[in-house]
Amino acid sequence: MMFIVQDEDVVREAGKELTEDDGSREAYEGAPDYPGEHSSVLEDTNLWVLVGFLIVLGILVSQGVFKKLGGMLSGRADTIRSQLDEARSLREEAQRLLADYQKRQREAEGEAEEIISQAKADAKIMAADARTKLEEQVARRTQAAHDRIARAEAQALADVRAQTADLAIDAAREIIRARTDGSAQKALLDRSIAEVRGKLN
């Protein structure tokens, strides 16, 4: 209420200044639309608009509306700033995670390449060892077969020689028996057997 009274005093003073400003009254007395000394400033609509605006402005100031509005704007700004900081932090965290993932992926690819290279090298070594062992096994079996064949051939040759010797001895015995007497036949037979065996061996 005090604020409204003070505003009315201000308006009254302003009207007085308008009517008494350095001879302006005399300058406009002759004008056809000059309100004259008897018209009231309270009939001026522009003045009432100004008064109403000042009253509303005073009420807003007295209720602390501008302070509250400033606080709301400041709080909103703080919220936006906090959200921006959080978004920046999330972006930095995402970039860090992406870089870490890319690093691990490169490391995994390198390890996979090393494993593949080592596996290929091991496979070559194993193939070479298997080939060497197979060749050695084949060589041993071939040599064993050759040895068995040689032994069989030697045995067969010995058997043939023995049978030949027996046949020759039997034939000589028959020939000597037919041509000589008993004592001479025995001596000749023994000598012939010895000669035949000596030639066959």
N, C-alpha and C. Protein backbone atom coordinates (compact mmCIF):
# COMPACT_ATOMS: atom_id res chain seq x y z
N MET A 1 0.84 -1.20 0.00
CA MET A 1 0.00 0.00 0.00
C MET A 1 0.87 1.24 0.00
N MET A 2 1.94 1.20 0.77
CA MET A 2 2.88 2.31 0.80
C MET A 2 3.47 2.53 -0.57
N PHE A 3 3.69 1.44 -1.29
CA PHE A 3 4.28 1.54 -2.61
C PHE A 3 3.34 2.25 -3.56
N ILE A 4 2.02 1.98 -3.46
CA ILE A 4 1.04 2.61 -4.34
C ILE A 4 0.95 4.09 -4.02
N VAL A 5 0.97 4.47 -2.74
CA VAL A 5 0.90 5.88 -2.36
C VAL A 5 2.09 6.63 -2.87
N GLN A 6 3.25 6.02 -2.76
CA GLN A 6 4.46 6.68 -3.25
C GLN A 6 4.37 6.87 -4.75
N ASP A 7 3.81 5.89 -5.48
CA ASP A 7 3.67 6.03 -6.93
C ASP A 7 2.70 7.16 -7.27
N GLU A 8 1.61 7.32 -6.49
CA GLU A 8 0.67 8.42 -6.75
C GLU A 8 1.35 9.76 -6.53
N ASP A 9 2.21 9.86 -5.51
CA ASP A 9 2.95 11.11 -5.30
C ASP A 9 3.84 11.41 -6.47
N VAL A 10 4.47 10.37 -6.98
CA VAL A 10 5.36 10.57 -8.14
C VAL A 10 4.56 11.06 -9.32
N VAL A 11 3.36 10.46 -9.53
CA VAL A 11 2.52 10.87 -10.66
C VAL A 11 2.07 12.32 -10.50
N ARG A 12 1.70 12.66 -9.25
CA ARG A 12 1.24 14.04 -8.99
C ARG A 12 2.35 15.03 -9.27
N GLU A 13 3.57 14.70 -8.84
CA GLU A 13 4.70 15.59 -9.07
C GLU A 13 4.99 15.72 -10.56
N ALA A 14 4.86 14.59 -11.28
CA ALA A 14 5.12 14.63 -12.71
C ALA A 14 4.09 15.49 -13.41
N GLY A 15 2.79 15.46 -12.96
CA GLY A 15 1.76 16.28 -13.59
C GLY A 15 1.99 17.75 -13.31
N LYS A 16 2.47 18.01 -12.10
CA LYS A 16 2.74 19.41 -11.75
C LYS A 16 3.87 19.95 -12.61
N GLU A 17 4.91 19.13 -12.81
CA GLU A 17 6.02 19.58 -13.64
C GLU A 17 5.58 19.81 -15.07
N LEU A 18 4.64 18.95 -15.54
CA LEU A 18 4.16 19.13 -16.92
C LEU A 18 3.41 20.43 -17.09
N THR A 19 2.64 20.85 -16.05
CA THR A 19 1.82 22.06 -16.16
C THR A 19 2.59 23.32 -15.83
N GLU A 20 3.74 23.19 -15.13
CA GLU A 20 4.46 24.37 -14.69
C GLU A 20 5.89 24.43 -15.21
N ASP A 21 6.21 23.78 -16.32
CA ASP A 21 7.59 23.65 -16.81
C ASP A 21 7.98 24.85 -17.62
N ASP A 22 8.66 25.84 -16.99
CA ASP A 22 9.36 26.94 -17.66
C ASP A 22 8.54 27.59 -18.76
N GLY A 23 7.31 27.93 -18.45
CA GLY A 23 6.53 28.68 -19.41
C GLY A 23 5.88 27.85 -20.47
N SER A 24 5.96 26.53 -20.33
CA SER A 24 5.33 25.69 -21.35
C SER A 24 3.81 25.86 -21.31
N ARG A 25 3.30 26.18 -20.12
CA ARG A 25 1.85 26.40 -20.02
C ARG A 25 1.43 27.56 -20.89
N GLU A 26 2.18 28.67 -20.83
CA GLU A 26 1.84 29.83 -21.63
C GLU A 26 2.00 29.51 -23.10
N ALA A 27 2.97 28.64 -23.42
CA ALA A 27 3.23 28.35 -24.84
C ALA A 27 2.09 27.57 -25.44
N TYR A 28 1.40 26.74 -24.65
CA TYR A 28 0.34 25.88 -25.20
C TYR A 28 -1.06 26.37 -24.88
N GLU A 29 -1.22 27.54 -24.20
CA GLU A 29 -2.55 27.99 -23.84
C GLU A 29 -3.37 28.33 -25.06
N GLY A 30 -2.69 28.77 -26.10
CA GLY A 30 -3.42 29.15 -27.31
C GLY A 30 -3.78 28.01 -28.19
N ALA A 31 -3.26 26.83 -27.91
CA ALA A 31 -3.54 25.67 -28.76
C ALA A 31 -4.97 25.23 -28.58
N PRO A 32 -5.62 24.74 -29.67
CA PRO A 32 -7.04 24.37 -29.56
C PRO A 32 -7.27 23.14 -28.68
N ASP A 33 -6.31 22.22 -28.61
CA ASP A 33 -6.54 21.01 -27.82
C ASP A 33 -5.86 21.07 -26.48
N TYR A 34 -5.41 22.21 -26.04
CA TYR A 34 -4.77 22.34 -24.74
C TYR A 34 -5.81 22.12 -23.67
N PRO A 35 -5.55 21.25 -22.70
CA PRO A 35 -6.60 20.91 -21.73
C PRO A 35 -6.95 22.04 -20.80
N GLY A 36 -6.02 22.95 -20.63
CA GLY A 36 -6.33 24.11 -19.78
C GLY A 36 -6.10 23.80 -18.33
N GLU A 37 -6.34 24.78 -17.54
CA GLU A 37 -6.04 24.71 -16.12
C GLU A 37 -7.01 23.81 -15.40
N HIS A 38 -8.19 23.61 -15.98
CA HIS A 38 -9.22 22.87 -15.27
C HIS A 38 -9.26 21.38 -15.60
N SER A 39 -8.48 20.89 -16.64
CA SER A 39 -8.49 19.45 -16.97
C SER A 39 -7.61 18.70 -15.99
N SER A 40 -7.96 17.44 -15.72
CA SER A 40 -7.24 16.61 -14.73
C SER A 40 -6.30 15.67 -15.45
N VAL A 41 -5.11 15.49 -14.84
CA VAL A 41 -4.11 14.54 -15.40
C VAL A 41 -4.57 13.12 -15.19
N LEU A 42 -5.57 12.96 -14.33
CA LEU A 42 -6.05 11.59 -14.06
C LEU A 42 -6.82 11.03 -15.24
N GLU A 43 -7.20 11.87 -16.21
CA GLU A 43 -7.92 11.40 -17.39
C GLU A 43 -6.96 10.91 -18.48
N ASP A 44 -5.66 11.01 -18.29
CA ASP A 44 -4.66 10.59 -19.30
C ASP A 44 -4.48 9.08 -19.20
N THR A 45 -4.87 8.32 -20.27
CA THR A 45 -4.76 6.85 -20.26
C THR A 45 -3.31 6.38 -20.28
N ASN A 46 -2.49 7.12 -20.97
CA ASN A 46 -1.07 6.73 -21.02
C ASN A 46 -0.45 6.75 -19.62
N LEU A 47 -0.87 7.77 -18.86
CA LEU A 47 -0.36 7.87 -17.51
C LEU A 47 -0.82 6.68 -16.67
N TRP A 48 -2.07 6.29 -16.83
CA TRP A 48 -2.56 5.15 -16.06
C TRP A 48 -1.89 3.83 -16.48
N VAL A 49 -1.58 3.73 -17.77
CA VAL A 49 -0.83 2.53 -18.22
C VAL A 49 0.53 2.49 -17.55
N LEU A 50 1.18 3.66 -17.50
CA LEU A 50 2.48 3.73 -16.86
C LEU A 50 2.38 3.39 -15.38
N VAL A 51 1.33 3.95 -14.74
CA VAL A 51 1.14 3.68 -13.31
C VAL A 51 0.90 2.20 -13.07
N GLY A 52 0.05 1.61 -13.91
CA GLY A 52 -0.22 0.17 -13.75
C GLY A 52 1.04 -0.67 -13.94
N PHE A 53 1.82 -0.27 -14.92
CA PHE A 53 3.07 -1.02 -15.15
C PHE A 53 4.01 -0.91 -13.95
N LEU A 54 4.12 0.31 -13.39
CA LEU A 54 4.98 0.50 -12.24
C LEU A 54 4.46 -0.28 -11.04
N ILE A 55 3.13 -0.33 -10.89
CA ILE A 55 2.56 -1.09 -9.76
C ILE A 55 2.88 -2.57 -9.89
N VAL A 56 2.64 -3.08 -11.09
CA VAL A 56 2.93 -4.52 -11.32
C VAL A 56 4.40 -4.80 -11.10
N LEU A 57 5.25 -3.89 -11.62
CA LEU A 57 6.68 -4.07 -11.46
C LEU A 57 7.06 -4.04 -9.99
N GLY A 58 6.42 -3.12 -9.22
CA GLY A 58 6.69 -3.04 -7.79
C GLY A 58 6.27 -4.31 -7.07
N ILE A 59 5.08 -4.84 -7.44
CA ILE A 59 4.62 -6.08 -6.81
C ILE A 59 5.58 -7.23 -7.09
N LEU A 60 6.01 -7.29 -8.35
CA LEU A 60 6.95 -8.37 -8.71
C LEU A 60 8.25 -8.26 -7.92
N VAL A 61 8.71 -7.02 -7.77
CA VAL A 61 9.96 -6.82 -7.02
C VAL A 61 9.76 -7.14 -5.56
N SER A 62 8.61 -6.67 -4.99
CA SER A 62 8.37 -6.90 -3.56
C SER A 62 8.20 -8.39 -3.24
N GLN A 63 7.65 -9.17 -4.16
CA GLN A 63 7.46 -10.60 -3.94
C GLN A 63 8.71 -11.43 -4.26
N GLY A 64 9.74 -10.77 -4.74
CA GLY A 64 10.98 -11.48 -5.05
C GLY A 64 10.86 -12.37 -6.28
N VAL A 65 9.96 -11.99 -7.22
CA VAL A 65 9.75 -12.82 -8.41
C VAL A 65 10.99 -12.85 -9.27
N PHE A 66 11.63 -11.69 -9.42
CA PHE A 66 12.82 -11.66 -10.27
C PHE A 66 13.95 -12.47 -9.66
N LYS A 67 14.03 -12.41 -8.31
CA LYS A 67 15.06 -13.21 -7.64
C LYS A 67 14.78 -14.69 -7.83
N LYS A 68 13.46 -15.05 -7.66
CA LYS A 68 13.11 -16.46 -7.86
C LYS A 68 13.34 -16.88 -9.30
N LEU A 69 12.96 -15.99 -10.23
CA LEU A 69 13.17 -16.30 -11.64
C LEU A 69 14.65 -16.45 -11.94
N GLY A 70 15.47 -15.56 -11.36
CA GLY A 70 16.92 -15.68 -11.54
C GLY A 70 17.45 -16.98 -10.95
N GLY A 71 16.90 -17.33 -9.76
CA GLY A 71 17.32 -18.59 -9.15
C GLY A 71 16.94 -19.79 -10.00
N MET A 72 15.70 -19.73 -10.57
CA MET A 72 15.27 -20.82 -11.44
C MET A 72 16.16 -20.92 -12.67
N LEU A 73 16.45 -19.76 -13.26
CA LEU A 73 17.32 -19.77 -14.44
C LEU A 73 18.71 -20.26 -14.09
N SER A 74 19.20 -19.82 -12.90
CA SER A 74 20.52 -20.27 -12.47
C SER A 74 20.53 -21.77 -12.22
N GLY A 75 19.46 -22.28 -11.56
CA GLY A 75 19.35 -23.72 -11.32
C GLY A 75 19.27 -24.50 -12.62
N ARG A 76 18.48 -23.95 -13.56
CA ARG A 76 18.38 -24.62 -14.86
C ARG A 76 19.73 -24.63 -15.56
N ALA A 77 20.45 -23.51 -15.46
CA ALA A 77 21.78 -23.44 -16.08
C ALA A 77 22.73 -24.45 -15.43
N ASP A 78 22.63 -24.54 -14.08
CA ASP A 78 23.47 -25.53 -13.39
C ASP A 78 23.13 -26.95 -13.82
N THR A 79 21.82 -27.21 -13.97
CA THR A 79 21.39 -28.55 -14.41
C THR A 79 21.92 -28.86 -15.81
N ILE A 80 21.78 -27.88 -16.71
CA ILE A 80 22.28 -28.08 -18.08
C ILE A 80 23.79 -28.27 -18.07
N ARG A 81 24.48 -27.45 -17.25
CA ARG A 81 25.94 -27.58 -17.16
C ARG A 81 26.33 -28.96 -16.62
N SER A 82 25.58 -29.43 -15.61
CA SER A 82 25.85 -30.76 -15.05
C SER A 82 25.60 -31.85 -16.09
N GLN A 83 24.49 -31.69 -16.85
CA GLN A 83 24.20 -32.68 -17.88
C GLN A 83 25.27 -32.67 -18.97
N LEU A 84 25.75 -31.46 -19.32
CA LEU A 84 26.82 -31.39 -20.32
C LEU A 84 28.09 -32.03 -19.81
N ASP A 85 28.41 -31.78 -18.54
CA ASP A 85 29.60 -32.42 -17.96
C ASP A 85 29.46 -33.94 -17.94
N GLU A 86 28.26 -34.40 -17.59
CA GLU A 86 28.04 -35.85 -17.56
C GLU A 86 28.14 -36.44 -18.96
N ALA A 87 27.56 -35.73 -19.94
CA ALA A 87 27.66 -36.21 -21.33
C ALA A 87 29.10 -36.23 -21.80
N ARG A 88 29.87 -35.19 -21.40
CA ARG A 88 31.29 -35.16 -21.77
C ARG A 88 32.04 -36.32 -21.13
N SER A 89 31.73 -36.59 -19.86
CA SER A 89 32.38 -37.70 -19.18
C SER A 89 32.02 -39.03 -19.83
N LEU A 90 30.72 -39.18 -20.18
CA LEU A 90 30.30 -40.42 -20.84
C LEU A 90 30.98 -40.59 -22.20
N ARG A 91 31.12 -39.47 -22.92
CA ARG A 91 31.78 -39.55 -24.22
C ARG A 91 33.25 -39.94 -24.05
N GLU A 92 33.92 -39.33 -23.07
CA GLU A 92 35.32 -39.68 -22.82
C GLU A 92 35.45 -41.14 -22.40
N GLU A 93 34.52 -41.61 -21.55
CA GLU A 93 34.55 -43.02 -21.13
C GLU A 93 34.32 -43.95 -22.31
N ALA A 94 33.37 -43.55 -23.19
CA ALA A 94 33.10 -44.37 -24.38
C ALA A 94 34.33 -44.41 -25.30
N GLN A 95 35.00 -43.26 -25.47
CA GLN A 95 36.20 -43.23 -26.29
C GLN A 95 37.30 -44.09 -25.67
N ARG A 96 37.42 -44.04 -24.33
CA ARG A 96 38.44 -44.86 -23.67
C ARG A 96 38.14 -46.34 -23.84
N LEU A 97 36.87 -46.72 -23.66
CA LEU A 97 36.48 -48.11 -23.84
C LEU A 97 36.70 -48.57 -25.28
N LEU A 98 36.38 -47.69 -26.23
CA LEU A 98 36.60 -48.04 -27.63
C LEU A 98 38.08 -48.25 -27.93
N ALA A 99 38.92 -47.35 -27.41
CA ALA A 99 40.36 -47.50 -27.62
C ALA A 99 40.88 -48.78 -26.97
N ASP A 100 40.37 -49.08 -25.76
CA ASP A 100 40.79 -50.31 -25.09
C ASP A 100 40.34 -51.55 -25.88
N TYR A 101 39.11 -51.50 -26.40
CA TYR A 101 38.62 -52.63 -27.19
C TYR A 101 39.45 -52.81 -28.46
N GLN A 102 39.77 -51.71 -29.13
CA GLN A 102 40.58 -51.79 -30.35
C GLN A 102 41.97 -52.34 -30.04
N LYS A 103 42.54 -51.91 -28.90
CA LYS A 103 43.85 -52.42 -28.51
C LYS A 103 43.79 -53.92 -28.24
N ARG A 104 42.77 -54.36 -27.50
CA ARG A 104 42.64 -55.80 -27.22
C ARG A 104 42.39 -56.59 -28.50
N GLN A 105 41.63 -56.01 -29.42
CA GLN A 105 41.38 -56.69 -30.68
C GLN A 105 42.67 -56.86 -31.47
N ARG A 106 43.50 -55.80 -31.50
CA ARG A 106 44.79 -55.92 -32.20
C ARG A 106 45.67 -56.96 -31.52
N GLU A 107 45.69 -56.97 -30.18
CA GLU A 107 46.49 -57.96 -29.47
C GLU A 107 45.99 -59.38 -29.75
N ALA A 108 44.66 -59.55 -29.77
CA ALA A 108 44.10 -60.88 -30.05
C ALA A 108 44.44 -61.32 -31.47
N GLU A 109 44.37 -60.40 -32.42
CA GLU A 109 44.72 -60.74 -33.80
C GLU A 109 46.19 -61.13 -33.89
N GLY A 110 47.07 -60.39 -33.17
CA GLY A 110 48.49 -60.74 -33.17
C GLY A 110 48.74 -62.11 -32.56
N GLU A 111 48.06 -62.39 -31.43
CA GLU A 111 48.22 -63.71 -30.81
C GLU A 111 47.70 -64.82 -31.72
N ALA A 112 46.59 -64.56 -32.41
CA ALA A 112 46.05 -65.57 -33.33
C ALA A 112 47.04 -65.84 -34.47
N GLU A 113 47.64 -64.79 -35.00
CA GLU A 113 48.63 -64.97 -36.07
C GLU A 113 49.83 -65.76 -35.57
N GLU A 114 50.28 -65.46 -34.34
CA GLU A 114 51.41 -66.22 -33.78
C GLU A 114 51.04 -67.69 -33.59
N ILE A 115 49.82 -67.94 -33.09
CA ILE A 115 49.39 -69.33 -32.89
C ILE A 115 49.32 -70.07 -34.22
N ILE A 116 48.79 -69.40 -35.25
CA ILE A 116 48.69 -70.04 -36.57
C ILE A 116 50.08 -70.32 -37.13
N SER A 117 51.00 -69.35 -37.01
CA SER A 117 52.36 -69.55 -37.50
C SER A 117 53.04 -70.70 -36.77
N GLN A 118 52.88 -70.74 -35.43
CA GLN A 118 53.49 -71.81 -34.65
C GLN A 118 52.88 -73.17 -35.02
N ALA A 119 51.56 -73.19 -35.24
CA ALA A 119 50.90 -74.44 -35.62
C ALA A 119 51.42 -74.93 -36.98
N LYS A 120 51.60 -74.00 -37.92
CA LYS A 120 52.13 -74.39 -39.23
C LYS A 120 53.55 -74.94 -39.09
N ALA A 121 54.38 -74.26 -38.29
CA ALA A 121 55.75 -74.74 -38.09
C ALA A 121 55.76 -76.12 -37.43
N ASP A 122 54.91 -76.30 -36.39
CA ASP A 122 54.83 -77.60 -35.73
C ASP A 122 54.35 -78.69 -36.69
N ALA A 123 53.39 -78.34 -37.54
CA ALA A 123 52.89 -79.31 -38.51
C ALA A 123 53.99 -79.73 -39.49
N LYS A 124 54.79 -78.76 -39.93
CA LYS A 124 55.89 -79.09 -40.83
C LYS A 124 56.90 -80.00 -40.15
N ILE A 125 57.23 -79.68 -38.88
CA ILE A 125 58.19 -80.51 -38.14
C ILE A 125 57.64 -81.92 -37.96
N MET A 126 56.35 -82.01 -37.57
CA MET A 126 55.75 -83.33 -37.37
C MET A 126 55.71 -84.11 -38.67
N ALA A 127 55.39 -83.43 -39.79
CA ALA A 127 55.36 -84.12 -41.08
C ALA A 127 56.75 -84.62 -41.46
N ALA A 128 57.77 -83.79 -41.22
CA ALA A 128 59.14 -84.21 -41.53
C ALA A 128 59.55 -85.40 -40.66
N ASP A 129 59.22 -85.35 -39.36
CA ASP A 129 59.55 -86.47 -38.46
C ASP A 129 58.83 -87.73 -38.89
N ALA A 130 57.55 -87.59 -39.22
CA ALA A 130 56.78 -88.77 -39.65
C ALA A 130 57.36 -89.36 -40.93
N ARG A 131 57.75 -88.48 -41.87
CA ARG A 131 58.32 -88.97 -43.11
C ARG A 131 59.65 -89.68 -42.86
N THR A 132 60.47 -89.11 -41.96
CA THR A 132 61.76 -89.73 -41.64
C THR A 132 61.56 -91.09 -40.97
N LYS A 133 60.63 -91.13 -40.00
CA LYS A 133 60.36 -92.40 -39.32
C LYS A 133 59.80 -93.44 -40.29
N LEU A 134 58.94 -93.00 -41.20
CA LEU A 134 58.38 -93.93 -42.17
C LEU A 134 59.47 -94.48 -43.09
N GLU A 135 60.35 -93.57 -43.53
CA GLU A 135 61.45 -94.03 -44.39
C GLU A 135 62.35 -95.01 -43.65
N GLU A 136 62.63 -94.71 -42.38
CA GLU A 136 63.46 -95.62 -41.60
C GLU A 136 62.77 -96.97 -41.41
N GLN A 137 61.47 -96.94 -41.14
CA GLN A 137 60.73 -98.19 -40.96
C GLN A 137 60.71 -99.00 -42.25
N VAL A 138 60.47 -98.32 -43.36
CA VAL A 138 60.47 -99.02 -44.65
C VAL A 138 61.84 -99.61 -44.94
N ALA A 139 62.90 -98.83 -44.63
CA ALA A 139 64.26 -99.34 -44.86
C ALA A 139 64.54 -100.57 -44.01
N ARG A 140 64.12 -100.52 -42.72
CA ARG A 140 64.34 -101.68 -41.84
C ARG A 140 63.59 -102.91 -42.35
N ARG A 141 62.35 -102.70 -42.74
CA ARG A 141 61.57 -103.84 -43.22
C ARG A 141 62.13 -104.37 -44.54
N THR A 142 62.60 -103.47 -45.39
CA THR A 142 63.21 -103.92 -46.65
C THR A 142 64.46 -104.72 -46.38
N GLN A 143 65.30 -104.21 -45.46
CA GLN A 143 66.53 -104.93 -45.13
C GLN A 143 66.22 -106.29 -44.50
N ALA A 144 65.20 -106.33 -43.62
CA ALA A 144 64.82 -107.61 -43.02
C ALA A 144 64.35 -108.59 -44.09
N ALA A 145 63.58 -108.09 -45.06
CA ALA A 145 63.13 -108.97 -46.13
C ALA A 145 64.30 -109.48 -46.95
N HIS A 146 65.26 -108.58 -47.24
CA HIS A 146 66.45 -109.00 -47.99
C HIS A 146 67.22 -110.05 -47.20
N ASP A 147 67.33 -109.83 -45.87
CA ASP A 147 68.06 -110.81 -45.05
C ASP A 147 67.35 -112.17 -45.06
N ARG A 148 66.03 -112.15 -44.95
CA ARG A 148 65.29 -113.41 -44.97
C ARG A 148 65.46 -114.12 -46.32
N ILE A 149 65.40 -113.30 -47.39
CA ILE A 149 65.58 -113.91 -48.73
C ILE A 149 66.97 -114.52 -48.87
N ALA A 150 67.97 -113.79 -48.38
CA ALA A 150 69.35 -114.30 -48.48
C ALA A 150 69.51 -115.59 -47.68
N ARG A 151 68.93 -115.60 -46.49
CA ARG A 151 69.02 -116.82 -45.68
C ARG A 151 68.29 -117.98 -46.35
N ALA A 152 67.13 -117.67 -46.91
CA ALA A 152 66.37 -118.72 -47.59
C ALA A 152 67.15 -119.24 -48.80
N GLU A 153 67.78 -118.32 -49.55
CA GLU A 153 68.58 -118.75 -50.70
C GLU A 153 69.76 -119.62 -50.26
N ALA A 154 70.43 -119.19 -49.17
CA ALA A 154 71.57 -119.98 -48.68
C ALA A 154 71.13 -121.35 -48.21
N GLN A 155 69.98 -121.37 -47.51
CA GLN A 155 69.47 -122.65 -47.04
C GLN A 155 69.08 -123.55 -48.21
N ALA A 156 68.44 -122.96 -49.20
CA ALA A 156 68.06 -123.75 -50.38
C ALA A 156 69.28 -124.29 -51.10
N LEU A 157 70.30 -123.44 -51.23
CA LEU A 157 71.53 -123.88 -51.90
C LEU A 157 72.21 -125.00 -51.11
N ALA A 158 72.20 -124.87 -49.79
CA ALA A 158 72.80 -125.92 -48.97
C ALA A 158 72.02 -127.22 -49.10
N ASP A 159 70.69 -127.08 -49.13
CA ASP A 159 69.86 -128.27 -49.28
C ASP A 159 70.11 -128.93 -50.63
N VAL A 160 70.21 -128.14 -51.66
CA VAL A 160 70.48 -128.69 -53.00
C VAL A 160 71.83 -129.38 -53.04
N ARG A 161 72.83 -128.75 -52.44
CA ARG A 161 74.16 -129.36 -52.43
C ARG A 161 74.15 -130.68 -51.65
N ALA A 162 73.44 -130.69 -50.54
CA ALA A 162 73.39 -131.92 -49.75
C ALA A 162 72.71 -133.03 -50.52
N GLN A 163 71.60 -132.69 -51.16
CA GLN A 163 70.89 -133.71 -51.93
C GLN A 163 71.74 -134.18 -53.12
N THR A 164 72.45 -133.25 -53.73
CA THR A 164 73.31 -133.63 -54.86
C THR A 164 74.43 -134.58 -54.39
N ALA A 165 74.97 -134.24 -53.23
CA ALA A 165 76.03 -135.09 -52.70
C ALA A 165 75.50 -136.48 -52.39
N ASP A 166 74.32 -136.55 -51.78
CA ASP A 166 73.75 -137.86 -51.47
C ASP A 166 73.50 -138.67 -52.74
N LEU A 167 72.97 -137.98 -53.76
CA LEU A 167 72.71 -138.67 -55.02
C LEU A 167 74.01 -139.16 -55.66
N ALA A 168 75.02 -138.33 -55.63
CA ALA A 168 76.29 -138.72 -56.24
C ALA A 168 76.92 -139.89 -55.49
N ILE A 169 76.81 -139.86 -54.19
CA ILE A 169 77.37 -140.96 -53.39
C ILE A 169 76.63 -142.26 -53.67
N ASP A 170 75.29 -142.15 -53.75
CA ASP A 170 74.53 -143.36 -54.04
C ASP A 170 74.87 -143.91 -55.41
N ALA A 171 75.02 -143.02 -56.37
CA ALA A 171 75.36 -143.47 -57.72
C ALA A 171 76.73 -144.10 -57.76
N ALA A 172 77.69 -143.52 -57.11
CA ALA A 172 79.05 -144.07 -57.08
C ALA A 172 79.07 -145.41 -56.38
N ARG A 173 78.28 -145.51 -55.33
CA ARG A 173 78.24 -146.78 -54.61
C ARG A 173 77.72 -147.90 -55.53
N GLU A 174 76.69 -147.59 -56.29
CA GLU A 174 76.14 -148.61 -57.18
C GLU A 174 77.13 -148.99 -58.27
N ILE A 175 77.81 -148.00 -58.80
CA ILE A 175 78.78 -148.28 -59.88
C ILE A 175 79.93 -149.11 -59.34
N ILE A 176 80.44 -148.77 -58.21
CA ILE A 176 81.58 -149.50 -57.64
C ILE A 176 81.15 -150.90 -57.24
N ARG A 177 79.98 -151.04 -56.71
CA ARG A 177 79.53 -152.36 -56.30
C ARG A 177 79.43 -153.30 -57.51
N ALA A 178 79.03 -152.68 -58.60
CA ALA A 178 78.88 -153.54 -59.79
C ALA A 178 80.21 -153.92 -60.41
N ARG A 179 81.25 -153.20 -60.24
CA ARG A 179 82.50 -153.43 -60.95
C ARG A 179 83.60 -154.04 -60.08
N THR A 180 83.57 -154.02 -58.79
CA THR A 180 84.66 -154.50 -57.94
C THR A 180 84.15 -155.50 -56.94
N ASP A 181 85.18 -156.14 -56.27
CA ASP A 181 84.82 -157.10 -55.23
C ASP A 181 84.59 -156.38 -53.91
N GLY A 182 84.50 -157.13 -52.84
CA GLY A 182 84.08 -156.55 -51.57
C GLY A 182 85.09 -155.61 -50.97
N SER A 183 86.34 -156.02 -50.73
CA SER A 183 87.31 -155.15 -50.04
C SER A 183 87.70 -153.96 -50.90
N ALA A 184 87.93 -154.21 -52.14
CA ALA A 184 88.29 -153.10 -53.04
C ALA A 184 87.12 -152.15 -53.21
N GLN A 185 85.93 -152.71 -53.23
CA GLN A 185 84.72 -151.88 -53.36
C GLN A 185 84.59 -150.95 -52.19
N LYS A 186 84.88 -151.44 -51.00
CA LYS A 186 84.74 -150.59 -49.81
C LYS A 186 85.77 -149.47 -49.81
N ALA A 187 87.02 -149.81 -50.17
CA ALA A 187 88.06 -148.78 -50.19
C ALA A 187 87.77 -147.73 -51.26
N LEU A 188 87.36 -148.18 -52.43
CA LEU A 188 87.06 -147.25 -53.52
C LEU A 188 85.86 -146.39 -53.16
N LEU A 189 84.91 -147.00 -52.52
CA LEU A 189 83.73 -146.26 -52.13
C LEU A 189 84.07 -145.18 -51.14
N ASP A 190 84.86 -145.50 -50.16
CA ASP A 190 85.23 -144.49 -49.17
C ASP A 190 85.98 -143.34 -49.80
N ARG A 191 86.88 -143.66 -50.72
CA ARG A 191 87.66 -142.62 -51.39
C ARG A 191 86.76 -141.75 -52.27
N SER A 192 85.83 -142.36 -52.95
CA SER A 192 84.94 -141.60 -53.84
C SER A 192 84.02 -140.65 -53.04
N ILE A 193 83.54 -141.19 -51.92
CA ILE A 193 82.68 -140.35 -51.06
C ILE A 193 83.45 -139.13 -50.57
N ALA A 194 84.70 -139.35 -50.16
CA ALA A 194 85.51 -138.24 -49.67
C ALA A 194 85.74 -137.22 -50.76
N GLU A 195 86.02 -137.67 -51.97
CA GLU A 195 86.26 -136.73 -53.08
C GLU A 195 85.01 -135.94 -53.43
N VAL A 196 83.88 -136.68 -53.46
CA VAL A 196 82.63 -135.98 -53.82
C VAL A 196 82.28 -134.91 -52.79
N ARG A 197 82.44 -135.27 -51.51
CA ARG A 197 82.12 -134.28 -50.46
C ARG A 197 83.08 -133.09 -50.51
N GLY A 198 84.34 -133.39 -50.81
CA GLY A 198 85.28 -132.27 -50.91
C GLY A 198 84.96 -131.33 -52.04
N LYS A 199 84.50 -131.83 -53.17
CA LYS A 199 84.16 -130.98 -54.31
C LYS A 199 82.87 -130.19 -54.06
N LEU A 200 81.89 -130.84 -53.40
CA LEU A 200 80.62 -130.14 -53.15
C LEU A 200 80.76 -129.03 -52.11
N ASN A 201 81.62 -129.20 -51.13
CA ASN A 201 81.81 -128.19 -50.11
C ASN A 201 82.68 -127.06 -50.61
